[in-house]
N, C-alpha and C. Protein backbone atom coordinates (compact mmCIF):
# COMPACT_ATOMS: atom_id res chain seq x y z
N MET A 1 126.98 56.37 154.62
CA MET A 1 126.08 56.54 155.69
C MET A 1 125.50 55.14 156.17
N LEU A 2 125.02 54.39 155.22
CA LEU A 2 124.51 53.08 155.59
C LEU A 2 125.49 52.19 156.32
N TRP A 3 126.76 52.28 155.88
CA TRP A 3 127.81 51.38 156.50
C TRP A 3 127.86 51.81 158.00
N GLY A 4 127.85 53.08 158.28
CA GLY A 4 127.83 53.54 159.64
C GLY A 4 126.66 53.11 160.40
N LEU A 5 125.46 53.18 159.81
CA LEU A 5 124.22 52.79 160.48
C LEU A 5 124.20 51.30 160.72
N ARG A 6 124.63 50.52 159.75
CA ARG A 6 124.70 49.10 159.85
C ARG A 6 125.66 48.68 161.01
N ARG A 7 126.73 49.31 161.04
CA ARG A 7 127.72 49.00 162.09
C ARG A 7 127.22 49.41 163.49
N LEU A 8 126.52 50.53 163.52
CA LEU A 8 125.89 50.97 164.82
C LEU A 8 124.84 50.02 165.30
N MET A 9 124.03 49.56 164.39
CA MET A 9 122.90 48.61 164.76
C MET A 9 123.52 47.37 165.34
N VAL A 10 124.50 46.80 164.60
CA VAL A 10 125.09 45.49 165.00
C VAL A 10 125.85 45.75 166.40
N TYR A 11 126.57 46.77 166.44
CA TYR A 11 127.29 47.09 167.68
C TYR A 11 126.30 47.26 168.87
N ASP A 12 125.23 48.06 168.71
CA ASP A 12 124.24 48.27 169.75
C ASP A 12 123.61 46.96 170.20
N MET A 13 123.24 46.16 169.22
CA MET A 13 122.65 44.80 169.52
C MET A 13 123.61 44.05 170.38
N HIS A 14 124.85 44.10 169.93
CA HIS A 14 125.91 43.30 170.69
C HIS A 14 126.09 43.86 172.08
N MET A 15 126.17 45.11 172.20
CA MET A 15 126.33 45.71 173.55
C MET A 15 125.13 45.44 174.50
N TYR A 16 123.92 45.49 173.93
CA TYR A 16 122.68 45.26 174.59
C TYR A 16 122.80 43.78 175.17
N TYR A 17 123.15 42.84 174.26
CA TYR A 17 123.13 41.41 174.60
C TYR A 17 124.26 41.18 175.68
N ARG A 18 125.35 41.80 175.50
CA ARG A 18 126.46 41.67 176.51
C ARG A 18 126.02 42.08 177.93
N ALA A 19 125.47 43.32 177.95
CA ALA A 19 125.05 43.94 179.22
C ALA A 19 123.96 43.02 179.88
N LEU A 20 122.97 42.54 179.05
CA LEU A 20 121.93 41.63 179.56
C LEU A 20 122.53 40.38 180.05
N GLU A 21 123.27 39.73 179.20
CA GLU A 21 123.84 38.39 179.49
C GLU A 21 124.69 38.46 180.78
N TYR A 22 125.49 39.55 180.93
CA TYR A 22 126.30 39.72 182.18
C TYR A 22 125.45 39.69 183.37
N ARG A 23 124.36 40.53 183.39
CA ARG A 23 123.43 40.61 184.51
C ARG A 23 122.71 39.30 184.84
N LEU A 24 122.29 38.67 183.72
CA LEU A 24 121.64 37.35 183.85
C LEU A 24 122.51 36.33 184.51
N GLN A 25 123.80 36.30 184.03
CA GLN A 25 124.71 35.38 184.57
C GLN A 25 125.02 35.63 186.04
N GLN A 26 125.22 36.87 186.42
CA GLN A 26 125.46 37.27 187.75
C GLN A 26 124.39 36.86 188.73
N ARG A 27 123.13 36.76 188.22
CA ARG A 27 121.95 36.38 189.02
C ARG A 27 121.49 35.02 188.78
N GLY A 28 122.33 34.21 188.07
CA GLY A 28 121.93 32.80 187.85
C GLY A 28 120.68 32.56 186.99
N GLN A 29 120.40 33.60 186.15
CA GLN A 29 119.27 33.55 185.28
C GLN A 29 119.63 33.18 183.83
N GLU A 30 118.63 32.85 183.03
CA GLU A 30 118.83 32.52 181.62
C GLU A 30 117.95 33.30 180.72
N LEU A 31 118.44 33.66 179.54
CA LEU A 31 117.69 34.40 178.56
C LEU A 31 116.55 33.48 178.04
N ASN A 32 116.82 32.25 177.89
CA ASN A 32 115.73 31.33 177.37
C ASN A 32 114.54 31.28 178.36
N ALA A 33 114.82 31.42 179.67
CA ALA A 33 113.74 31.42 180.60
C ALA A 33 112.80 32.64 180.34
N PHE A 34 113.40 33.81 180.03
CA PHE A 34 112.54 34.95 179.74
C PHE A 34 111.65 34.69 178.53
N VAL A 35 112.22 34.09 177.49
CA VAL A 35 111.43 33.83 176.26
C VAL A 35 110.31 32.80 176.52
N VAL A 36 110.73 31.68 177.12
CA VAL A 36 109.72 30.57 177.38
C VAL A 36 108.71 30.96 178.45
N LEU A 37 109.10 31.43 179.53
CA LEU A 37 108.10 31.80 180.58
C LEU A 37 107.23 32.96 180.15
N GLY A 38 107.85 33.96 179.43
CA GLY A 38 107.00 35.04 178.93
C GLY A 38 105.96 34.63 178.06
N ASN A 39 106.29 33.75 177.11
CA ASN A 39 105.29 33.16 176.20
C ASN A 39 104.32 32.36 176.88
N LEU A 40 104.69 31.55 177.92
CA LEU A 40 103.73 30.73 178.63
C LEU A 40 102.79 31.62 179.46
N ILE A 41 103.23 32.70 179.97
CA ILE A 41 102.31 33.63 180.70
C ILE A 41 101.28 34.09 179.72
N GLN A 42 101.68 34.39 178.55
CA GLN A 42 100.77 34.96 177.59
C GLN A 42 99.80 33.86 176.96
N TYR A 43 100.36 32.63 176.74
CA TYR A 43 99.67 31.62 176.02
C TYR A 43 99.58 30.38 176.93
N ASP A 44 99.26 30.48 178.16
CA ASP A 44 99.26 29.41 179.12
C ASP A 44 98.33 28.35 178.72
N GLY A 45 98.77 27.10 178.74
CA GLY A 45 97.94 26.00 178.25
C GLY A 45 98.01 25.68 176.82
N CYS A 46 99.01 26.32 176.11
CA CYS A 46 99.22 26.01 174.73
C CYS A 46 99.90 24.67 174.62
N ASN A 47 99.87 24.12 173.41
CA ASN A 47 100.60 22.83 173.26
C ASN A 47 102.10 23.11 172.88
N GLN A 48 102.88 22.06 173.06
CA GLN A 48 104.40 22.19 172.91
C GLN A 48 104.77 22.73 171.50
N ARG A 49 104.05 22.28 170.49
CA ARG A 49 104.35 22.74 169.12
C ARG A 49 104.09 24.24 169.00
N GLU A 50 102.98 24.69 169.53
CA GLU A 50 102.62 26.14 169.52
C GLU A 50 103.66 26.96 170.29
N LEU A 51 104.05 26.43 171.47
CA LEU A 51 105.06 27.18 172.26
C LEU A 51 106.37 27.26 171.55
N ALA A 52 106.77 26.23 170.83
CA ALA A 52 108.07 26.30 170.03
C ALA A 52 107.94 27.39 168.99
N GLU A 53 106.70 27.54 168.33
CA GLU A 53 106.58 28.59 167.30
C GLU A 53 106.56 30.00 168.00
N TYR A 54 105.88 30.14 169.18
CA TYR A 54 105.85 31.41 169.84
C TYR A 54 107.26 31.82 170.21
N CYS A 55 108.08 30.88 170.64
CA CYS A 55 109.44 31.13 171.15
C CYS A 55 110.47 31.20 169.98
N HIS A 56 110.07 30.90 168.78
CA HIS A 56 110.93 30.77 167.61
C HIS A 56 112.12 29.85 167.92
N MET A 57 111.76 28.73 168.43
CA MET A 57 112.70 27.71 168.66
C MET A 57 112.33 26.34 168.04
N ARG A 58 113.35 25.54 167.88
CA ARG A 58 113.10 24.17 167.34
C ARG A 58 112.46 23.39 168.42
N PRO A 59 111.48 22.54 168.04
CA PRO A 59 110.81 21.76 169.13
C PRO A 59 111.75 20.92 169.96
N SER A 60 112.83 20.38 169.34
CA SER A 60 113.80 19.53 170.03
C SER A 60 114.58 20.32 171.14
N ASN A 61 114.94 21.59 170.78
CA ASN A 61 115.62 22.44 171.69
C ASN A 61 114.67 22.86 172.83
N LEU A 62 113.49 23.21 172.52
CA LEU A 62 112.49 23.54 173.57
C LEU A 62 112.21 22.40 174.49
N THR A 63 112.20 21.15 174.01
CA THR A 63 111.96 19.98 174.84
C THR A 63 113.00 19.92 175.92
N ASN A 64 114.27 20.11 175.63
CA ASN A 64 115.40 20.08 176.57
C ASN A 64 115.24 21.20 177.59
N ILE A 65 114.90 22.38 177.14
CA ILE A 65 114.75 23.51 178.03
C ILE A 65 113.56 23.23 178.96
N MET A 66 112.47 22.78 178.41
CA MET A 66 111.32 22.56 179.26
C MET A 66 111.52 21.51 180.33
N ARG A 67 112.39 20.50 180.03
CA ARG A 67 112.71 19.44 180.97
C ARG A 67 113.33 20.14 182.21
N ARG A 68 114.29 21.03 181.97
CA ARG A 68 114.99 21.69 183.04
C ARG A 68 114.01 22.57 183.79
N TYR A 69 113.15 23.32 183.10
CA TYR A 69 112.25 24.22 183.83
C TYR A 69 111.20 23.49 184.57
N GLU A 70 110.80 22.29 184.07
CA GLU A 70 109.79 21.47 184.82
C GLU A 70 110.49 20.96 186.10
N GLU A 71 111.73 20.62 186.07
CA GLU A 71 112.50 20.19 187.25
C GLU A 71 112.54 21.32 188.27
N ARG A 72 112.74 22.48 187.81
CA ARG A 72 112.85 23.68 188.72
C ARG A 72 111.42 24.10 189.24
N GLY A 73 110.36 23.50 188.67
CA GLY A 73 109.05 23.82 189.15
C GLY A 73 108.41 25.07 188.46
N TRP A 74 109.01 25.51 187.40
CA TRP A 74 108.57 26.70 186.64
C TRP A 74 107.36 26.42 185.69
N LEU A 75 107.20 25.22 185.25
CA LEU A 75 106.14 24.84 184.36
C LEU A 75 105.72 23.42 184.59
N ARG A 76 104.60 23.07 184.13
CA ARG A 76 104.14 21.70 184.17
C ARG A 76 103.48 21.31 182.88
N ARG A 77 103.62 20.05 182.53
CA ARG A 77 103.08 19.56 181.29
C ARG A 77 102.00 18.46 181.58
N SER A 78 100.95 18.53 180.73
CA SER A 78 99.99 17.47 180.93
C SER A 78 99.43 17.04 179.55
N PRO A 79 98.92 15.87 179.44
CA PRO A 79 98.38 15.37 178.18
C PRO A 79 97.27 16.23 177.69
N GLY A 80 97.27 16.52 176.38
CA GLY A 80 96.20 17.30 175.80
C GLY A 80 95.13 16.36 175.26
N PRO A 81 94.04 16.90 174.69
CA PRO A 81 92.89 16.10 174.22
C PRO A 81 93.21 15.37 172.92
N LEU A 82 94.21 15.82 172.19
CA LEU A 82 94.59 15.20 170.96
C LEU A 82 95.64 14.15 171.22
N HIS A 83 95.72 13.15 170.37
CA HIS A 83 96.73 12.03 170.46
C HIS A 83 98.12 12.63 170.38
N ARG A 84 98.91 12.32 171.29
CA ARG A 84 100.37 12.70 171.36
C ARG A 84 100.51 14.25 171.51
N GLU A 85 99.53 14.91 172.14
CA GLU A 85 99.61 16.35 172.31
C GLU A 85 99.89 16.56 173.78
N THR A 86 100.84 17.49 174.07
CA THR A 86 101.16 17.88 175.45
C THR A 86 100.93 19.36 175.60
N LEU A 87 100.14 19.69 176.66
CA LEU A 87 99.83 21.07 176.96
C LEU A 87 100.83 21.51 178.03
N VAL A 88 101.17 22.79 177.99
CA VAL A 88 102.16 23.38 178.88
C VAL A 88 101.56 24.49 179.64
N PHE A 89 101.83 24.53 180.96
CA PHE A 89 101.27 25.52 181.86
C PHE A 89 102.39 26.14 182.74
N VAL A 90 102.36 27.40 182.93
CA VAL A 90 103.30 28.07 183.81
C VAL A 90 102.81 27.95 185.25
N THR A 91 103.69 27.74 186.18
CA THR A 91 103.39 27.59 187.59
C THR A 91 103.55 28.97 188.27
N ASN A 92 103.17 29.01 189.57
CA ASN A 92 103.42 30.27 190.28
C ASN A 92 104.82 30.56 190.43
N GLU A 93 105.73 29.44 190.59
CA GLU A 93 107.15 29.57 190.67
C GLU A 93 107.77 30.20 189.33
N GLY A 94 107.18 29.68 188.31
CA GLY A 94 107.59 30.27 186.98
C GLY A 94 107.23 31.69 186.75
N LYS A 95 106.03 32.10 187.27
CA LYS A 95 105.65 33.53 187.22
C LYS A 95 106.57 34.37 188.08
N GLN A 96 106.98 33.84 189.24
CA GLN A 96 107.95 34.60 190.13
C GLN A 96 109.31 34.68 189.45
N GLU A 97 109.70 33.63 188.80
CA GLU A 97 111.02 33.75 188.12
C GLU A 97 110.95 34.74 186.95
N PHE A 98 109.80 34.77 186.27
CA PHE A 98 109.69 35.72 185.14
C PHE A 98 109.72 37.11 185.68
N GLU A 99 109.08 37.37 186.87
CA GLU A 99 109.10 38.68 187.42
C GLU A 99 110.51 39.16 187.80
N SER A 100 111.25 38.19 188.29
CA SER A 100 112.74 38.45 188.63
C SER A 100 113.49 38.77 187.32
N LEU A 101 113.22 38.09 186.27
CA LEU A 101 113.86 38.33 184.98
C LEU A 101 113.47 39.75 184.53
N MET A 102 112.20 40.13 184.74
CA MET A 102 111.78 41.47 184.30
C MET A 102 112.56 42.57 184.94
N VAL A 103 112.90 42.35 186.20
CA VAL A 103 113.75 43.31 186.93
C VAL A 103 115.06 43.54 186.25
N THR A 104 115.69 42.45 185.77
CA THR A 104 116.97 42.43 185.07
C THR A 104 116.82 43.14 183.73
N PHE A 105 115.80 42.83 183.02
CA PHE A 105 115.59 43.47 181.74
C PHE A 105 115.28 44.90 181.78
N ASN A 106 114.47 45.23 182.88
CA ASN A 106 114.15 46.68 183.08
C ASN A 106 115.36 47.55 183.42
N GLU A 107 116.30 46.94 184.21
CA GLU A 107 117.54 47.62 184.51
C GLU A 107 118.32 47.98 183.26
N VAL A 108 118.46 47.02 182.31
CA VAL A 108 119.21 47.21 181.14
C VAL A 108 118.50 48.18 180.24
N GLU A 109 117.19 48.04 180.19
CA GLU A 109 116.39 49.02 179.38
C GLU A 109 116.55 50.42 179.86
N GLU A 110 116.49 50.64 181.20
CA GLU A 110 116.60 52.02 181.81
C GLU A 110 118.05 52.52 181.41
N MET A 111 119.06 51.74 181.49
CA MET A 111 120.39 52.15 181.13
C MET A 111 120.46 52.51 179.65
N MET A 112 119.82 51.70 178.81
CA MET A 112 119.86 51.90 177.34
C MET A 112 119.21 53.17 176.92
N PHE A 113 118.10 53.49 177.55
CA PHE A 113 117.27 54.66 177.14
C PHE A 113 117.44 55.91 178.03
N ALA A 114 118.50 55.89 178.83
CA ALA A 114 118.72 57.03 179.73
C ALA A 114 118.85 58.33 178.84
N GLY A 115 118.13 59.33 179.18
CA GLY A 115 118.19 60.58 178.46
C GLY A 115 117.28 60.66 177.22
N PHE A 116 116.57 59.55 176.87
CA PHE A 116 115.67 59.55 175.70
C PHE A 116 114.27 60.06 176.27
N THR A 117 113.69 60.86 175.37
CA THR A 117 112.26 61.29 175.65
C THR A 117 111.37 60.20 175.21
N GLU A 118 110.07 60.28 175.69
CA GLU A 118 109.07 59.25 175.28
C GLU A 118 108.90 59.32 173.68
N GLU A 119 108.96 60.54 173.17
CA GLU A 119 108.84 60.74 171.72
C GLU A 119 110.00 60.05 171.00
N GLU A 120 111.18 60.09 171.46
CA GLU A 120 112.36 59.51 170.87
C GLU A 120 112.22 58.01 170.94
N LYS A 121 111.73 57.49 172.10
CA LYS A 121 111.61 55.98 172.16
C LYS A 121 110.57 55.44 171.25
N LYS A 122 109.49 56.31 171.10
CA LYS A 122 108.38 55.81 170.19
C LYS A 122 108.88 55.86 168.75
N ALA A 123 109.67 56.87 168.36
CA ALA A 123 110.23 56.96 167.03
C ALA A 123 111.18 55.85 166.71
N LEU A 124 111.92 55.47 167.72
CA LEU A 124 112.89 54.32 167.58
C LEU A 124 112.17 52.98 167.45
N GLU A 125 111.14 52.82 168.23
CA GLU A 125 110.29 51.61 168.20
C GLU A 125 109.67 51.50 166.72
N LYS A 126 109.12 52.64 166.28
CA LYS A 126 108.57 52.65 164.96
C LYS A 126 109.56 52.30 163.89
N SER A 127 110.79 52.77 164.02
CA SER A 127 111.86 52.49 163.02
C SER A 127 112.23 50.97 163.07
N TYR A 128 112.32 50.41 164.28
CA TYR A 128 112.64 49.00 164.40
C TYR A 128 111.53 48.18 163.83
N ILE A 129 110.31 48.50 164.02
CA ILE A 129 109.17 47.78 163.46
C ILE A 129 109.22 47.85 161.99
N ARG A 130 109.53 48.95 161.37
CA ARG A 130 109.68 49.12 159.99
C ARG A 130 110.81 48.25 159.40
N ILE A 131 111.95 48.26 160.10
CA ILE A 131 113.06 47.37 159.66
C ILE A 131 112.65 45.93 159.68
N GLY A 132 112.05 45.52 160.79
CA GLY A 132 111.58 44.16 160.90
C GLY A 132 110.61 43.69 159.83
N ASN A 133 109.65 44.63 159.58
CA ASN A 133 108.65 44.32 158.49
C ASN A 133 109.35 44.23 157.15
N ASN A 134 110.34 45.12 156.87
CA ASN A 134 111.02 45.03 155.62
C ASN A 134 111.76 43.66 155.44
N ILE A 135 112.39 43.27 156.46
CA ILE A 135 113.12 42.00 156.48
C ILE A 135 112.14 40.85 156.29
N TYR A 136 111.11 40.87 157.08
CA TYR A 136 110.08 39.76 157.06
C TYR A 136 109.49 39.70 155.60
N ASP A 137 109.02 40.84 155.01
CA ASP A 137 108.41 40.87 153.80
C ASP A 137 109.38 40.32 152.70
N ALA A 138 110.60 40.82 152.74
CA ALA A 138 111.54 40.39 151.69
C ALA A 138 111.88 38.91 151.80
N GLU A 139 112.00 38.39 152.99
CA GLU A 139 112.29 36.93 153.16
C GLU A 139 111.10 36.15 152.80
N LEU A 140 109.85 36.57 153.08
CA LEU A 140 108.66 35.88 152.68
C LEU A 140 108.54 35.81 151.18
N ALA A 141 108.80 36.95 150.57
CA ALA A 141 108.75 37.03 149.07
C ALA A 141 109.63 36.01 148.42
N GLN A 142 110.81 35.75 149.06
CA GLN A 142 111.78 34.82 148.45
C GLN A 142 111.52 33.44 148.97
N GLY A 143 110.51 33.16 149.81
CA GLY A 143 110.23 31.84 150.27
C GLY A 143 111.20 31.39 151.34
N ARG A 144 111.84 32.38 151.99
CA ARG A 144 112.89 32.03 153.02
C ARG A 144 112.51 32.22 154.43
N ILE A 145 111.19 32.38 154.71
CA ILE A 145 110.78 32.50 156.08
C ILE A 145 110.90 31.08 156.72
N HIS A 146 111.91 30.87 157.43
CA HIS A 146 112.18 29.53 158.04
C HIS A 146 111.85 29.51 159.49
N PHE A 147 111.17 30.52 159.98
CA PHE A 147 110.79 30.57 161.39
C PHE A 147 109.37 30.96 161.44
N ALA A 148 108.68 30.36 162.52
CA ALA A 148 107.25 30.77 162.70
C ALA A 148 107.26 32.24 163.22
N GLY A 149 106.22 32.89 162.89
CA GLY A 149 106.14 34.26 163.40
C GLY A 149 105.23 35.12 162.66
N VAL A 150 105.17 36.32 163.04
CA VAL A 150 104.30 37.36 162.36
C VAL A 150 105.18 38.58 162.06
N ARG A 151 104.62 39.40 161.25
CA ARG A 151 105.30 40.71 160.98
C ARG A 151 105.45 41.46 162.30
N PRO A 152 106.54 42.14 162.48
CA PRO A 152 106.70 42.89 163.74
C PRO A 152 105.56 43.85 164.08
N ASP A 153 104.89 44.37 163.05
CA ASP A 153 103.77 45.32 163.40
C ASP A 153 102.54 44.58 163.80
N GLU A 154 102.56 43.23 163.72
CA GLU A 154 101.40 42.48 164.05
C GLU A 154 101.50 41.74 165.39
N ILE A 155 102.72 41.92 165.99
CA ILE A 155 103.01 41.29 167.27
C ILE A 155 102.11 41.85 168.38
N GLU A 156 101.46 40.88 169.04
CA GLU A 156 100.57 41.35 170.16
C GLU A 156 101.38 42.00 171.28
N LYS A 157 100.85 42.99 171.93
CA LYS A 157 101.46 43.53 173.10
C LYS A 157 101.35 42.47 174.17
N PRO A 158 102.40 42.33 175.02
CA PRO A 158 102.38 41.33 176.05
C PRO A 158 101.34 41.70 177.09
N VAL A 159 100.70 40.65 177.73
CA VAL A 159 99.74 40.90 178.70
C VAL A 159 100.33 41.30 180.02
N ILE A 160 101.59 41.15 180.19
CA ILE A 160 102.30 41.44 181.42
C ILE A 160 102.90 42.83 181.43
């Protein structure tokens, strides 16, 4: 039974990613933009180190992404009060891009959950939170948490 469940989870994640990536590419959008802009909308004015943690990215990768998004006018950086600190702010253009990304994500979500009742969706969410908590707790116990973050049941609901 578990082999079937494991295969289904991996397959479903793969299919979700493919469907999402296809739509994003067709529209000239990027998955990283959803992650970065979404976190900036929630934590506008955070420093670059914090943003890297919120996005679960290496700071060096985030710096390259931010350079592109700054050129596109989606975010702006300014010096912070601390030595060598840079604060990051989302612009109105960045908010508009995020809203456009939300349309793409919502389309895929509607397709994914077609025919599901609200109760079924809540039960699935609860199961995924439990799976995520199990993984987080086991990795933490082994000292292998190599990413910043919180347990899935402690993730704040987005403000958007």
